[in-house]
Full PDB file with SEQRES, HELIX, SHEET, SSBOND, CRYST1, ORIGX, SCALE, CONECT and MASTER records, all heavy atoms in Angstrom:
SEQRES   1 A   40  LEU ARG GLY ALA GLY HIS SER LEU THR ARG ILE SER LEU          
SEQRES   2 A   40  THR LYS VAL LEU TYR PHE PRO TRP VAL LEU LYS VAL LEU          
SEQRES   3 A   40  TRP ALA PRO LEU VAL ASP ARG THR GLY THR LYS ARG CYS          
SEQRES   4 A   40  TRP                                                          
HELIX    1 AA1 LEU A    8  LEU A   13  1                                   6    
HELIX    2 AA2 THR A   14  TYR A   18  5                                   5    
HELIX    3 AA3 PHE A   19  ARG A   33  1                                  15    
CRYST1    1.000    1.000    1.000  90.00  90.00  90.00 P 1           1          
ORIGX1      1.000000  0.000000  0.000000        0.00000                         
ORIGX2      0.000000  1.000000  0.000000        0.00000                         
ORIGX3      0.000000  0.000000  1.000000        0.00000                         
SCALE1      1.000000  0.000000  0.000000        0.00000                         
SCALE2      0.000000  1.000000  0.000000        0.00000                         
SCALE3      0.000000  0.000000  1.000000        0.00000                         
ATOM      1  N   LEU A   1     -85.304 -75.577   0.878  1.00  0.00           N  
ATOM      2  CA  LEU A   1     -84.416 -76.726   1.042  1.00  0.00           C  
ATOM      3  C   LEU A   1     -84.835 -77.597   2.224  1.00  0.00           C  
ATOM      4  O   LEU A   1     -84.700 -78.817   2.177  1.00  0.00           O  
ATOM      5  CB  LEU A   1     -82.968 -76.246   1.228  1.00  0.00           C  
ATOM      6  CG  LEU A   1     -82.323 -75.567   0.012  1.00  0.00           C  
ATOM      7  CD1 LEU A   1     -80.925 -75.066   0.364  1.00  0.00           C  
ATOM      8  CD2 LEU A   1     -82.253 -76.504  -1.185  1.00  0.00           C  
ATOM      9  N   ARG A   2     -85.352 -76.968   3.294  1.00  0.00           N  
ATOM     10  CA  ARG A   2     -85.836 -77.755   4.430  1.00  0.00           C  
ATOM     11  C   ARG A   2     -87.031 -78.612   4.008  1.00  0.00           C  
ATOM     12  O   ARG A   2     -87.139 -79.789   4.378  1.00  0.00           O  
ATOM     13  CB  ARG A   2     -86.237 -76.823   5.576  1.00  0.00           C  
ATOM     14  CG  ARG A   2     -86.700 -77.554   6.843  1.00  0.00           C  
ATOM     15  CD  ARG A   2     -85.583 -78.384   7.447  1.00  0.00           C  
ATOM     16  NE  ARG A   2     -85.936 -78.894   8.766  1.00  0.00           N  
ATOM     17  CZ  ARG A   2     -85.176 -79.747   9.445  1.00  0.00           C  
ATOM     18  NH1 ARG A   2     -84.038 -80.194   8.939  1.00  0.00           N  
ATOM     19  NH2 ARG A   2     -85.552 -80.159  10.641  1.00  0.00           N  
ATOM     20  N   GLY A   3     -87.915 -78.017   3.211  1.00  0.00           N  
ATOM     21  CA  GLY A   3     -89.045 -78.773   2.702  1.00  0.00           C  
ATOM     22  C   GLY A   3     -88.638 -79.894   1.774  1.00  0.00           C  
ATOM     23  O   GLY A   3     -89.355 -80.903   1.645  1.00  0.00           O  
ATOM     24  N   ALA A   4     -87.471 -79.749   1.128  1.00  0.00           N  
ATOM     25  CA  ALA A   4     -86.962 -80.791   0.232  1.00  0.00           C  
ATOM     26  C   ALA A   4     -86.205 -81.879   0.991  1.00  0.00           C  
ATOM     27  O   ALA A   4     -85.686 -82.819   0.372  1.00  0.00           O  
ATOM     28  CB  ALA A   4     -86.053 -80.180  -0.827  1.00  0.00           C  
ATOM     29  N   GLY A   5     -86.099 -81.741   2.326  1.00  0.00           N  
ATOM     30  CA  GLY A   5     -85.497 -82.785   3.133  1.00  0.00           C  
ATOM     31  C   GLY A   5     -84.053 -82.579   3.512  1.00  0.00           C  
ATOM     32  O   GLY A   5     -83.429 -83.477   4.081  1.00  0.00           O  
ATOM     33  N   HIS A   6     -83.469 -81.412   3.248  1.00  0.00           N  
ATOM     34  CA  HIS A   6     -82.068 -81.167   3.598  1.00  0.00           C  
ATOM     35  C   HIS A   6     -81.942 -80.866   5.095  1.00  0.00           C  
ATOM     36  O   HIS A   6     -82.853 -80.308   5.715  1.00  0.00           O  
ATOM     37  CB  HIS A   6     -81.510 -80.002   2.778  1.00  0.00           C  
ATOM     38  CG  HIS A   6     -81.395 -80.299   1.316  1.00  0.00           C  
ATOM     39  ND1 HIS A   6     -80.373 -81.034   0.785  1.00  0.00           N  
ATOM     40  CD2 HIS A   6     -82.194 -79.966   0.261  1.00  0.00           C  
ATOM     41  CE1 HIS A   6     -80.520 -81.134  -0.539  1.00  0.00           C  
ATOM     42  NE2 HIS A   6     -81.636 -80.499  -0.871  1.00  0.00           N  
ATOM     43  N   SER A   7     -80.785 -81.210   5.675  1.00  0.00           N  
ATOM     44  CA  SER A   7     -80.555 -81.015   7.103  1.00  0.00           C  
ATOM     45  C   SER A   7     -80.312 -79.541   7.416  1.00  0.00           C  
ATOM     46  O   SER A   7     -79.938 -78.746   6.540  1.00  0.00           O  
ATOM     47  CB  SER A   7     -79.343 -81.828   7.562  1.00  0.00           C  
ATOM     48  OG  SER A   7     -78.153 -81.286   7.024  1.00  0.00           O  
ATOM     49  N   LEU A   8     -80.504 -79.179   8.688  1.00  0.00           N  
ATOM     50  CA  LEU A   8     -80.228 -77.808   9.113  1.00  0.00           C  
ATOM     51  C   LEU A   8     -78.760 -77.464   8.955  1.00  0.00           C  
ATOM     52  O   LEU A   8     -78.399 -76.318   8.655  1.00  0.00           O  
ATOM     53  CB  LEU A   8     -80.660 -77.623  10.572  1.00  0.00           C  
ATOM     54  CG  LEU A   8     -82.155 -77.738  10.851  1.00  0.00           C  
ATOM     55  CD1 LEU A   8     -82.422 -77.615  12.346  1.00  0.00           C  
ATOM     56  CD2 LEU A   8     -82.939 -76.699  10.088  1.00  0.00           C  
ATOM     57  N   THR A   9     -77.891 -78.440   9.155  1.00  0.00           N  
ATOM     58  CA  THR A   9     -76.455 -78.204   8.973  1.00  0.00           C  
ATOM     59  C   THR A   9     -76.151 -77.809   7.541  1.00  0.00           C  
ATOM     60  O   THR A   9     -75.434 -76.829   7.288  1.00  0.00           O  
ATOM     61  CB  THR A   9     -75.660 -79.472   9.344  1.00  0.00           C  
ATOM     62  OG1 THR A   9     -75.924 -79.809  10.710  1.00  0.00           O  
ATOM     63  CG2 THR A   9     -74.169 -79.246   9.136  1.00  0.00           C  
ATOM     64  N   ARG A  10     -76.704 -78.548   6.593  1.00  0.00           N  
ATOM     65  CA  ARG A  10     -76.458 -78.240   5.177  1.00  0.00           C  
ATOM     66  C   ARG A  10     -77.048 -76.888   4.803  1.00  0.00           C  
ATOM     67  O   ARG A  10     -76.441 -76.119   4.051  1.00  0.00           O  
ATOM     68  CB  ARG A  10     -77.036 -79.351   4.307  1.00  0.00           C  
ATOM     69  CG  ARG A  10     -76.917 -79.101   2.823  1.00  0.00           C  
ATOM     70  CD  ARG A  10     -77.279 -80.327   1.993  1.00  0.00           C  
ATOM     71  NE  ARG A  10     -76.214 -81.325   2.028  1.00  0.00           N  
ATOM     72  CZ  ARG A  10     -76.195 -82.399   1.260  1.00  0.00           C  
ATOM     73  NH1 ARG A  10     -77.194 -82.633   0.413  1.00  0.00           N  
ATOM     74  NH2 ARG A  10     -75.200 -83.255   1.336  1.00  0.00           N  
ATOM     75  N   ILE A  11     -78.225 -76.579   5.334  1.00  0.00           N  
ATOM     76  CA  ILE A  11     -78.849 -75.289   5.032  1.00  0.00           C  
ATOM     77  C   ILE A  11     -78.010 -74.144   5.589  1.00  0.00           C  
ATOM     78  O   ILE A  11     -77.784 -73.132   4.910  1.00  0.00           O  
ATOM     79  CB  ILE A  11     -80.280 -75.247   5.610  1.00  0.00           C  
ATOM     80  CG1 ILE A  11     -81.176 -76.252   4.879  1.00  0.00           C  
ATOM     81  CG2 ILE A  11     -80.867 -73.842   5.492  1.00  0.00           C  
ATOM     82  CD1 ILE A  11     -82.537 -76.432   5.507  1.00  0.00           C  
ATOM     83  N   SER A  12     -77.519 -74.285   6.821  1.00  0.00           N  
ATOM     84  CA  SER A  12     -76.711 -73.218   7.421  1.00  0.00           C  
ATOM     85  C   SER A  12     -75.397 -73.013   6.686  1.00  0.00           C  
ATOM     86  O   SER A  12     -74.886 -71.893   6.598  1.00  0.00           O  
ATOM     87  CB  SER A  12     -76.429 -73.538   8.893  1.00  0.00           C  
ATOM     88  OG  SER A  12     -77.597 -73.413   9.662  1.00  0.00           O  
ATOM     89  N   LEU A  13     -74.832 -74.079   6.150  1.00  0.00           N  
ATOM     90  CA  LEU A  13     -73.557 -73.957   5.447  1.00  0.00           C  
ATOM     91  C   LEU A  13     -73.664 -73.126   4.180  1.00  0.00           C  
ATOM     92  O   LEU A  13     -72.652 -72.639   3.663  1.00  0.00           O  
ATOM     93  CB  LEU A  13     -73.005 -75.352   5.117  1.00  0.00           C  
ATOM     94  CG  LEU A  13     -72.438 -76.128   6.307  1.00  0.00           C  
ATOM     95  CD1 LEU A  13     -72.022 -77.534   5.883  1.00  0.00           C  
ATOM     96  CD2 LEU A  13     -71.253 -75.392   6.935  1.00  0.00           C  
ATOM     97  N   THR A  14     -74.892 -72.935   3.665  1.00  0.00           N  
ATOM     98  CA  THR A  14     -75.035 -72.060   2.491  1.00  0.00           C  
ATOM     99  C   THR A  14     -74.660 -70.620   2.839  1.00  0.00           C  
ATOM    100  O   THR A  14     -74.372 -69.824   1.936  1.00  0.00           O  
ATOM    101  CB  THR A  14     -76.472 -72.097   1.941  1.00  0.00           C  
ATOM    102  OG1 THR A  14     -77.382 -71.619   2.935  1.00  0.00           O  
ATOM    103  CG2 THR A  14     -76.866 -73.505   1.524  1.00  0.00           C  
ATOM    104  N   LYS A  15     -74.658 -70.270   4.133  1.00  0.00           N  
ATOM    105  CA  LYS A  15     -74.261 -68.915   4.529  1.00  0.00           C  
ATOM    106  C   LYS A  15     -72.806 -68.628   4.158  1.00  0.00           C  
ATOM    107  O   LYS A  15     -72.418 -67.469   3.982  1.00  0.00           O  
ATOM    108  CB  LYS A  15     -74.450 -68.729   6.036  1.00  0.00           C  
ATOM    109  CG  LYS A  15     -75.875 -68.929   6.533  1.00  0.00           C  
ATOM    110  CD  LYS A  15     -76.805 -67.856   6.048  1.00  0.00           C  
ATOM    111  CE  LYS A  15     -78.189 -68.027   6.650  1.00  0.00           C  
ATOM    112  NZ  LYS A  15     -79.148 -66.989   6.194  1.00  0.00           N  
ATOM    113  N   VAL A  16     -71.994 -69.683   4.059  1.00  0.00           N  
ATOM    114  CA  VAL A  16     -70.596 -69.492   3.669  1.00  0.00           C  
ATOM    115  C   VAL A  16     -70.505 -68.874   2.280  1.00  0.00           C  
ATOM    116  O   VAL A  16     -69.537 -68.181   1.952  1.00  0.00           O  
ATOM    117  CB  VAL A  16     -69.848 -70.845   3.719  1.00  0.00           C  
ATOM    118  CG1 VAL A  16     -68.430 -70.709   3.216  1.00  0.00           C  
ATOM    119  CG2 VAL A  16     -69.857 -71.393   5.142  1.00  0.00           C  
ATOM    120  N   LEU A  17     -71.527 -69.077   1.463  1.00  0.00           N  
ATOM    121  CA  LEU A  17     -71.519 -68.560   0.097  1.00  0.00           C  
ATOM    122  C   LEU A  17     -71.668 -67.044   0.052  1.00  0.00           C  
ATOM    123  O   LEU A  17     -71.532 -66.442  -1.015  1.00  0.00           O  
ATOM    124  CB  LEU A  17     -72.648 -69.229  -0.715  1.00  0.00           C  
ATOM    125  CG  LEU A  17     -72.556 -70.755  -0.792  1.00  0.00           C  
ATOM    126  CD1 LEU A  17     -73.760 -71.316  -1.536  1.00  0.00           C  
ATOM    127  CD2 LEU A  17     -71.272 -71.190  -1.474  1.00  0.00           C  
ATOM    128  N   TYR A  18     -71.950 -66.420   1.201  1.00  0.00           N  
ATOM    129  CA  TYR A  18     -71.915 -64.958   1.276  1.00  0.00           C  
ATOM    130  C   TYR A  18     -70.489 -64.412   1.285  1.00  0.00           C  
ATOM    131  O   TYR A  18     -70.285 -63.198   1.260  1.00  0.00           O  
ATOM    132  CB  TYR A  18     -72.596 -64.480   2.565  1.00  0.00           C  
ATOM    133  CG  TYR A  18     -74.105 -64.468   2.547  1.00  0.00           C  
ATOM    134  CD1 TYR A  18     -74.816 -65.045   3.591  1.00  0.00           C  
ATOM    135  CD2 TYR A  18     -74.818 -63.862   1.532  1.00  0.00           C  
ATOM    136  CE1 TYR A  18     -76.209 -65.028   3.610  1.00  0.00           C  
ATOM    137  CE2 TYR A  18     -76.200 -63.834   1.534  1.00  0.00           C  
ATOM    138  CZ  TYR A  18     -76.890 -64.423   2.581  1.00  0.00           C  
ATOM    139  OH  TYR A  18     -78.263 -64.394   2.590  1.00  0.00           O  
ATOM    140  N   PHE A  19     -69.496 -65.289   1.336  1.00  0.00           N  
ATOM    141  CA  PHE A  19     -68.116 -64.853   1.581  1.00  0.00           C  
ATOM    142  C   PHE A  19     -67.595 -63.832   0.571  1.00  0.00           C  
ATOM    143  O   PHE A  19     -66.737 -63.018   0.914  1.00  0.00           O  
ATOM    144  CB  PHE A  19     -67.180 -66.059   1.644  1.00  0.00           C  
ATOM    145  CG  PHE A  19     -66.110 -65.913   2.677  1.00  0.00           C  
ATOM    146  CD1 PHE A  19     -66.433 -65.940   4.038  1.00  0.00           C  
ATOM    147  CD2 PHE A  19     -64.795 -65.717   2.316  1.00  0.00           C  
ATOM    148  CE1 PHE A  19     -65.469 -65.796   4.998  1.00  0.00           C  
ATOM    149  CE2 PHE A  19     -63.813 -65.568   3.276  1.00  0.00           C  
ATOM    150  CZ  PHE A  19     -64.146 -65.607   4.619  1.00  0.00           C  
ATOM    151  N   PRO A  20     -68.045 -63.834  -0.694  1.00  0.00           N  
ATOM    152  CA  PRO A  20     -67.588 -62.772  -1.596  1.00  0.00           C  
ATOM    153  C   PRO A  20     -67.829 -61.373  -1.065  1.00  0.00           C  
ATOM    154  O   PRO A  20     -67.074 -60.440  -1.387  1.00  0.00           O  
ATOM    155  CB  PRO A  20     -68.394 -63.041  -2.875  1.00  0.00           C  
ATOM    156  CG  PRO A  20     -68.624 -64.509  -2.871  1.00  0.00           C  
ATOM    157  CD  PRO A  20     -68.829 -64.860  -1.426  1.00  0.00           C  
ATOM    158  N   TRP A  21     -68.857 -61.197  -0.232  1.00  0.00           N  
ATOM    159  CA  TRP A  21     -69.093 -59.876   0.348  1.00  0.00           C  
ATOM    160  C   TRP A  21     -67.995 -59.503   1.339  1.00  0.00           C  
ATOM    161  O   TRP A  21     -67.694 -58.318   1.518  1.00  0.00           O  
ATOM    162  CB  TRP A  21     -70.452 -59.851   1.044  1.00  0.00           C  
ATOM    163  CG  TRP A  21     -71.597 -59.917   0.083  1.00  0.00           C  
ATOM    164  CD1 TRP A  21     -72.247 -61.037  -0.350  1.00  0.00           C  
ATOM    165  CD2 TRP A  21     -72.224 -58.823  -0.584  1.00  0.00           C  
ATOM    166  NE1 TRP A  21     -73.233 -60.705  -1.245  1.00  0.00           N  
ATOM    167  CE2 TRP A  21     -73.241 -59.349  -1.398  1.00  0.00           C  
ATOM    168  CE3 TRP A  21     -72.022 -57.438  -0.559  1.00  0.00           C  
ATOM    169  CZ2 TRP A  21     -74.056 -58.539  -2.189  1.00  0.00           C  
ATOM    170  CZ3 TRP A  21     -72.835 -56.643  -1.336  1.00  0.00           C  
ATOM    171  CH2 TRP A  21     -73.841 -57.185  -2.133  1.00  0.00           C  
ATOM    172  N   VAL A  22     -67.404 -60.498   1.978  1.00  0.00           N  
ATOM    173  CA  VAL A  22     -66.301 -60.237   2.893  1.00  0.00           C  
ATOM    174  C   VAL A  22     -65.037 -59.874   2.122  1.00  0.00           C  
ATOM    175  O   VAL A  22     -64.239 -59.037   2.549  1.00  0.00           O  
ATOM    176  CB  VAL A  22     -66.047 -61.471   3.787  1.00  0.00           C  
ATOM    177  CG1 VAL A  22     -64.852 -61.255   4.701  1.00  0.00           C  
ATOM    178  CG2 VAL A  22     -67.289 -61.792   4.613  1.00  0.00           C  
ATOM    179  N   LEU A  23     -64.877 -60.486   0.950  1.00  0.00           N  
ATOM    180  CA  LEU A  23     -63.656 -60.291   0.164  1.00  0.00           C  
ATOM    181  C   LEU A  23     -63.738 -59.132  -0.809  1.00  0.00           C  
ATOM    182  O   LEU A  23     -62.755 -58.825  -1.471  1.00  0.00           O  
ATOM    183  CB  LEU A  23     -63.347 -61.578  -0.617  1.00  0.00           C  
ATOM    184  CG  LEU A  23     -63.130 -62.846   0.213  1.00  0.00           C  
ATOM    185  CD1 LEU A  23     -62.900 -64.039  -0.713  1.00  0.00           C  
ATOM    186  CD2 LEU A  23     -61.953 -62.679   1.162  1.00  0.00           C  
ATOM    187  N   LYS A  24     -64.882 -58.476  -0.921  1.00  0.00           N  
ATOM    188  CA  LYS A  24     -65.042 -57.461  -1.967  1.00  0.00           C  
ATOM    189  C   LYS A  24     -64.077 -56.291  -1.797  1.00  0.00           C  
ATOM    190  O   LYS A  24     -63.768 -55.604  -2.768  1.00  0.00           O  
ATOM    191  CB  LYS A  24     -66.482 -56.954  -2.002  1.00  0.00           C  
ATOM    192  CG  LYS A  24     -66.867 -56.048  -0.861  1.00  0.00           C  
ATOM    193  CD  LYS A  24     -68.236 -55.426  -1.101  1.00  0.00           C  
ATOM    194  CE  LYS A  24     -68.533 -54.391  -0.030  1.00  0.00           C  
ATOM    195  NZ  LYS A  24     -69.767 -53.644  -0.333  1.00  0.00           N  
ATOM    196  N   VAL A  25     -63.598 -56.076  -0.565  1.00  0.00           N  
ATOM    197  CA  VAL A  25     -62.635 -55.001  -0.359  1.00  0.00           C  
ATOM    198  C   VAL A  25     -61.364 -55.232  -1.182  1.00  0.00           C  
ATOM    199  O   VAL A  25     -60.644 -54.289  -1.519  1.00  0.00           O  
ATOM    200  CB  VAL A  25     -62.298 -54.873   1.139  1.00  0.00           C  
ATOM    201  CG1 VAL A  25     -61.539 -56.085   1.644  1.00  0.00           C  
ATOM    202  CG2 VAL A  25     -61.541 -53.589   1.420  1.00  0.00           C  
ATOM    203  N   LEU A  26     -61.090 -56.504  -1.550  1.00  0.00           N  
ATOM    204  CA  LEU A  26     -59.891 -56.811  -2.325  1.00  0.00           C  
ATOM    205  C   LEU A  26     -60.016 -56.375  -3.774  1.00  0.00           C  
ATOM    206  O   LEU A  26     -59.027 -55.982  -4.398  1.00  0.00           O  
ATOM    207  CB  LEU A  26     -59.594 -58.320  -2.258  1.00  0.00           C  
ATOM    208  CG  LEU A  26     -59.361 -58.905  -0.859  1.00  0.00           C  
ATOM    209  CD1 LEU A  26     -59.116 -60.405  -0.957  1.00  0.00           C  
ATOM    210  CD2 LEU A  26     -58.181 -58.205  -0.191  1.00  0.00           C  
ATOM    211  N   TRP A  27     -61.228 -56.471  -4.344  1.00  0.00           N  
ATOM    212  CA  TRP A  27     -61.372 -56.076  -5.745  1.00  0.00           C  
ATOM    213  C   TRP A  27     -62.068 -54.735  -5.922  1.00  0.00           C  
ATOM    214  O   TRP A  27     -62.310 -54.296  -7.042  1.00  0.00           O  
ATOM    215  CB  TRP A  27     -62.093 -57.151  -6.550  1.00  0.00           C  
ATOM    216  CG  TRP A  27     -63.392 -57.657  -6.014  1.00  0.00           C  
ATOM    217  CD1 TRP A  27     -64.592 -57.033  -6.021  1.00  0.00           C  
ATOM    218  CD2 TRP A  27     -63.610 -58.926  -5.407  1.00  0.00           C  
ATOM    219  NE1 TRP A  27     -65.556 -57.815  -5.449  1.00  0.00           N  
ATOM    220  CE2 TRP A  27     -64.980 -58.998  -5.055  1.00  0.00           C  
ATOM    221  CE3 TRP A  27     -62.799 -60.031  -5.117  1.00  0.00           C  
ATOM    222  CZ2 TRP A  27     -65.555 -60.105  -4.437  1.00  0.00           C  
ATOM    223  CZ3 TRP A  27     -63.374 -61.121  -4.496  1.00  0.00           C  
ATOM    224  CH2 TRP A  27     -64.716 -61.154  -4.167  1.00  0.00           C  
ATOM    225  N   ALA A  28     -62.393 -54.058  -4.825  1.00  0.00           N  
ATOM    226  CA  ALA A  28     -63.004 -52.736  -4.937  1.00  0.00           C  
ATOM    227  C   ALA A  28     -62.119 -51.736  -5.683  1.00  0.00           C  
ATOM    228  O   ALA A  28     -62.623 -50.972  -6.524  1.00  0.00           O  
ATOM    229  CB  ALA A  28     -63.357 -52.212  -3.545  1.00  0.00           C  
ATOM    230  N   PRO A  29     -60.782 -51.696  -5.438  1.00  0.00           N  
ATOM    231  CA  PRO A  29     -59.959 -50.746  -6.203  1.00  0.00           C  
ATOM    232  C   PRO A  29     -60.009 -50.993  -7.709  1.00  0.00           C  
ATOM    233  O   PRO A  29     -59.953 -50.045  -8.501  1.00  0.00           O  
ATOM    234  CB  PRO A  29     -58.544 -50.986  -5.644  1.00  0.00           C  
ATOM    235  CG  PRO A  29     -58.766 -51.538  -4.278  1.00  0.00           C  
ATOM    236  CD  PRO A  29     -59.991 -52.393  -4.404  1.00  0.00           C  
ATOM    237  N   LEU A  30     -60.124 -52.254  -8.132  1.00  0.00           N  
ATOM    238  CA  LEU A  30     -60.205 -52.555  -9.560  1.00  0.00           C  
ATOM    239  C   LEU A  30     -61.467 -51.953 -10.167  1.00  0.00           C  
ATOM    240  O   LEU A  30     -61.433 -51.325 -11.236  1.00  0.00           O  
ATOM    241  CB  LEU A  30     -60.188 -54.068  -9.777  1.00  0.00           C  
ATOM    242  CG  LEU A  30     -60.364 -54.547 -11.220  1.00  0.00           C  
ATOM    243  CD1 LEU A  30     -59.183 -54.127 -12.074  1.00  0.00           C  
ATOM    244  CD2 LEU A  30     -60.551 -56.065 -11.250  1.00  0.00           C  
ATOM    245  N   VAL A  31     -62.599 -52.115  -9.473  1.00  0.00           N  
ATOM    246  CA  VAL A  31     -63.855 -51.567  -9.978  1.00  0.00           C  
ATOM    247  C   VAL A  31     -63.812 -50.042  -9.967  1.00  0.00           C  
ATOM    248  O   VAL A  31     -64.324 -49.382 -10.882  1.00  0.00           O  
ATOM    249  CB  VAL A  31     -65.035 -52.073  -9.125  1.00  0.00           C  
ATOM    250  CG1 VAL A  31     -66.352 -51.457  -9.580  1.00  0.00           C  
ATOM    251  CG2 VAL A  31     -65.117 -53.598  -9.190  1.00  0.00           C  
ATOM    252  N   ASP A  32     -63.190 -49.479  -8.949  1.00  0.00           N  
ATOM    253  CA  ASP A  32     -63.187 -48.032  -8.781  1.00  0.00           C  
ATOM    254  C   ASP A  32     -62.261 -47.336  -9.763  1.00  0.00           C  
ATOM    255  O   ASP A  32     -62.495 -46.187 -10.134  1.00  0.00           O  
ATOM    256  CB  ASP A  32     -62.779 -47.687  -7.350  1.00  0.00           C  
ATOM    257  CG  ASP A  32     -63.192 -46.277  -6.962  1.00  0.00           C  
ATOM    258  OD1 ASP A  32     -64.279 -45.839  -7.395  1.00  0.00           O  
ATOM    259  OD2 ASP A  32     -62.447 -45.617  -6.224  1.00  0.00           O  
ATOM    260  N   ARG A  33     -61.205 -48.028 -10.215  1.00  0.00           N  
ATOM    261  CA  ARG A  33     -60.155 -47.365 -10.999  1.00  0.00           C  
ATOM    262  C   ARG A  33     -60.090 -47.801 -12.454  1.00  0.00           C  
ATOM    263  O   ARG A  33     -59.292 -47.275 -13.219  1.00  0.00           O  
ATOM    264  CB  ARG A  33     -58.778 -47.599 -10.341  1.00  0.00           C  
ATOM    265  CG  ARG A  33     -58.676 -46.996  -8.946  1.00  0.00           C  
ATOM    266  CD  ARG A  33     -57.332 -47.316  -8.297  1.00  0.00           C  
ATOM    267  NE  ARG A  33     -57.256 -46.813  -6.932  1.00  0.00           N  
ATOM    268  CZ  ARG A  33     -56.909 -45.570  -6.610  1.00  0.00           C  
ATOM    269  NH1 ARG A  33     -56.593 -44.712  -7.566  1.00  0.00           N  
ATOM    270  NH2 ARG A  33     -56.881 -45.190  -5.355  1.00  0.00           N  
ATOM    271  N   THR A  34     -60.879 -48.772 -12.877  1.00  0.00           N  
ATOM    272  CA  THR A  34     -60.848 -49.208 -14.272  1.00  0.00           C  
ATOM    273  C   THR A  34     -62.252 -49.193 -14.853  1.00  0.00           C  
ATOM    274  O   THR A  34     -63.226 -49.496 -14.161  1.00  0.00           O  
ATOM    275  CB  THR A  34     -60.272 -50.631 -14.411  1.00  0.00           C  
ATOM    276  OG1 THR A  34     -61.100 -51.557 -13.697  1.00  0.00           O  
ATOM    277  CG2 THR A  34     -58.860 -50.701 -13.858  1.00  0.00           C  
ATOM    278  N   GLY A  35     -62.341 -48.847 -16.120  1.00  0.00           N  
ATOM    279  CA  GLY A  35     -63.620 -48.846 -16.796  1.00  0.00           C  
ATOM    280  C   GLY A  35     -64.558 -47.784 -16.255  1.00  0.00           C  
ATOM    281  O   GLY A  35     -64.177 -46.860 -15.536  1.00  0.00           O  
ATOM    282  N   THR A  36     -65.841 -47.884 -16.622  1.00  0.00           N  
ATOM    283  CA  THR A  36     -66.863 -46.958 -16.149  1.00  0.00           C  
ATOM    284  C   THR A  36     -67.884 -47.714 -15.323  1.00  0.00           C  
ATOM    285  O   THR A  36     -68.018 -48.933 -15.420  1.00  0.00           O  
ATOM    286  CB  THR A  36     -67.580 -46.279 -17.328  1.00  0.00           C  
ATOM    287  OG1 THR A  36     -68.267 -47.278 -18.094  1.00  0.00           O  
ATOM    288  CG2 THR A  36     -66.583 -45.551 -18.224  1.00  0.00           C  
ATOM    289  N   LYS A  37     -68.624 -46.960 -14.511  1.00  0.00           N  
ATOM    290  CA  LYS A  37     -69.643 -47.597 -13.695  1.00  0.00           C  
ATOM    291  C   LYS A  37     -70.730 -48.229 -14.563  1.00  0.00           C  
ATOM    292  O   LYS A  37     -71.279 -49.275 -14.215  1.00  0.00           O  
ATOM    293  CB  LYS A  37     -70.266 -46.570 -12.735  1.00  0.00           C  
ATOM    294  CG  LYS A  37     -69.276 -46.003 -11.733  1.00  0.00           C  
ATOM    295  CD  LYS A  37     -68.713 -47.108 -10.850  1.00  0.00           C  
ATOM    296  CE  LYS A  37     -67.733 -46.569  -9.827  1.00  0.00           C  
ATOM    297  NZ  LYS A  37     -66.466 -46.131 -10.435  1.00  0.00           N  
ATOM    298  N   ARG A  38     -71.040 -47.609 -15.713  1.00  0.00           N  
ATOM    299  CA  ARG A  38     -72.052 -48.190 -16.585  1.00  0.00           C  
ATOM    300  C   ARG A  38     -71.620 -49.575 -17.063  1.00  0.00           C  
ATOM    301  O   ARG A  38     -72.416 -50.525 -17.056  1.00  0.00           O  
ATOM    302  CB  ARG A  38     -72.310 -47.278 -17.784  1.00  0.00           C  
ATOM    303  CG  ARG A  38     -73.508 -47.747 -18.634  1.00  0.00           C  
ATOM    304  CD  ARG A  38     -73.527 -47.053 -19.995  1.00  0.00           C  
ATOM    305  NE  ARG A  38     -73.596 -45.617 -19.879  1.00  0.00           N  
ATOM    306  CZ  ARG A  38     -74.719 -44.921 -19.774  1.00  0.00           C  
ATOM    307  NH1 ARG A  38     -75.878 -45.553 -19.739  1.00  0.00           N  
ATOM    308  NH2 ARG A  38     -74.690 -43.602 -19.706  1.00  0.00           N  
ATOM    309  N   CYS A  39     -70.361 -49.704 -17.482  1.00  0.00           N  
ATOM    310  CA  CYS A  39     -69.874 -50.996 -17.975  1.00  0.00           C  
ATOM    311  C   CYS A  39     -69.921 -52.058 -16.881  1.00  0.00           C  
ATOM    312  O   CYS A  39     -70.346 -53.197 -17.117  1.00  0.00           O  
ATOM    313  CB  CYS A  39     -68.458 -50.848 -18.518  1.00  0.00           C  
ATOM    314  SG  CYS A  39     -68.354 -49.902 -20.050  1.00  0.00           S  
ATOM    315  N   TRP A  40     -69.469 -51.692 -15.671  1.00  0.00           N  
ATOM    316  CA  TRP A  40     -69.490 -52.660 -14.574  1.00  0.00           C  
ATOM    317  C   TRP A  40     -70.915 -53.064 -14.216  1.00  0.00           C  
ATOM    318  O   TRP A  40     -71.194 -54.238 -13.956  1.00  0.00           O  
ATOM    319  CB  TRP A  40     -68.783 -52.074 -13.345  1.00  0.00           C  
ATOM    320  CG  TRP A  40     -67.292 -52.115 -13.416  1.00  0.00           C  
ATOM    321  CD1 TRP A  40     -66.443 -51.077 -13.635  1.00  0.00           C  
ATOM    322  CD2 TRP A  40     -66.464 -53.275 -13.284  1.00  0.00           C  
ATOM    323  NE1 TRP A  40     -65.150 -51.502 -13.644  1.00  0.00           N  
ATOM    324  CE2 TRP A  40     -65.117 -52.851 -13.427  1.00  0.00           C  
ATOM    325  CE3 TRP A  40     -66.720 -54.623 -13.056  1.00  0.00           C  
ATOM    326  CZ2 TRP A  40     -64.043 -53.725 -13.348  1.00  0.00           C  
ATOM    327  CZ3 TRP A  40     -65.651 -55.501 -12.974  1.00  0.00           C  
ATOM    328  CH2 TRP A  40     -64.330 -55.052 -13.116  1.00  0.00           C  
TER     329      TRP A  40                                                      
MASTER        0    0    0    3    0    0    0    6  328    1    0    4          
END                                                                             
């Protein structure tokens, strides 16, 4: 993205897209208690 001309601010803001990893504790019980690991 830097080579494509995007600013450092815009590039750094893509880190916000990691946020599902912060929230995964909210849906972990659903994965753990429903269905099988193969299906997930």
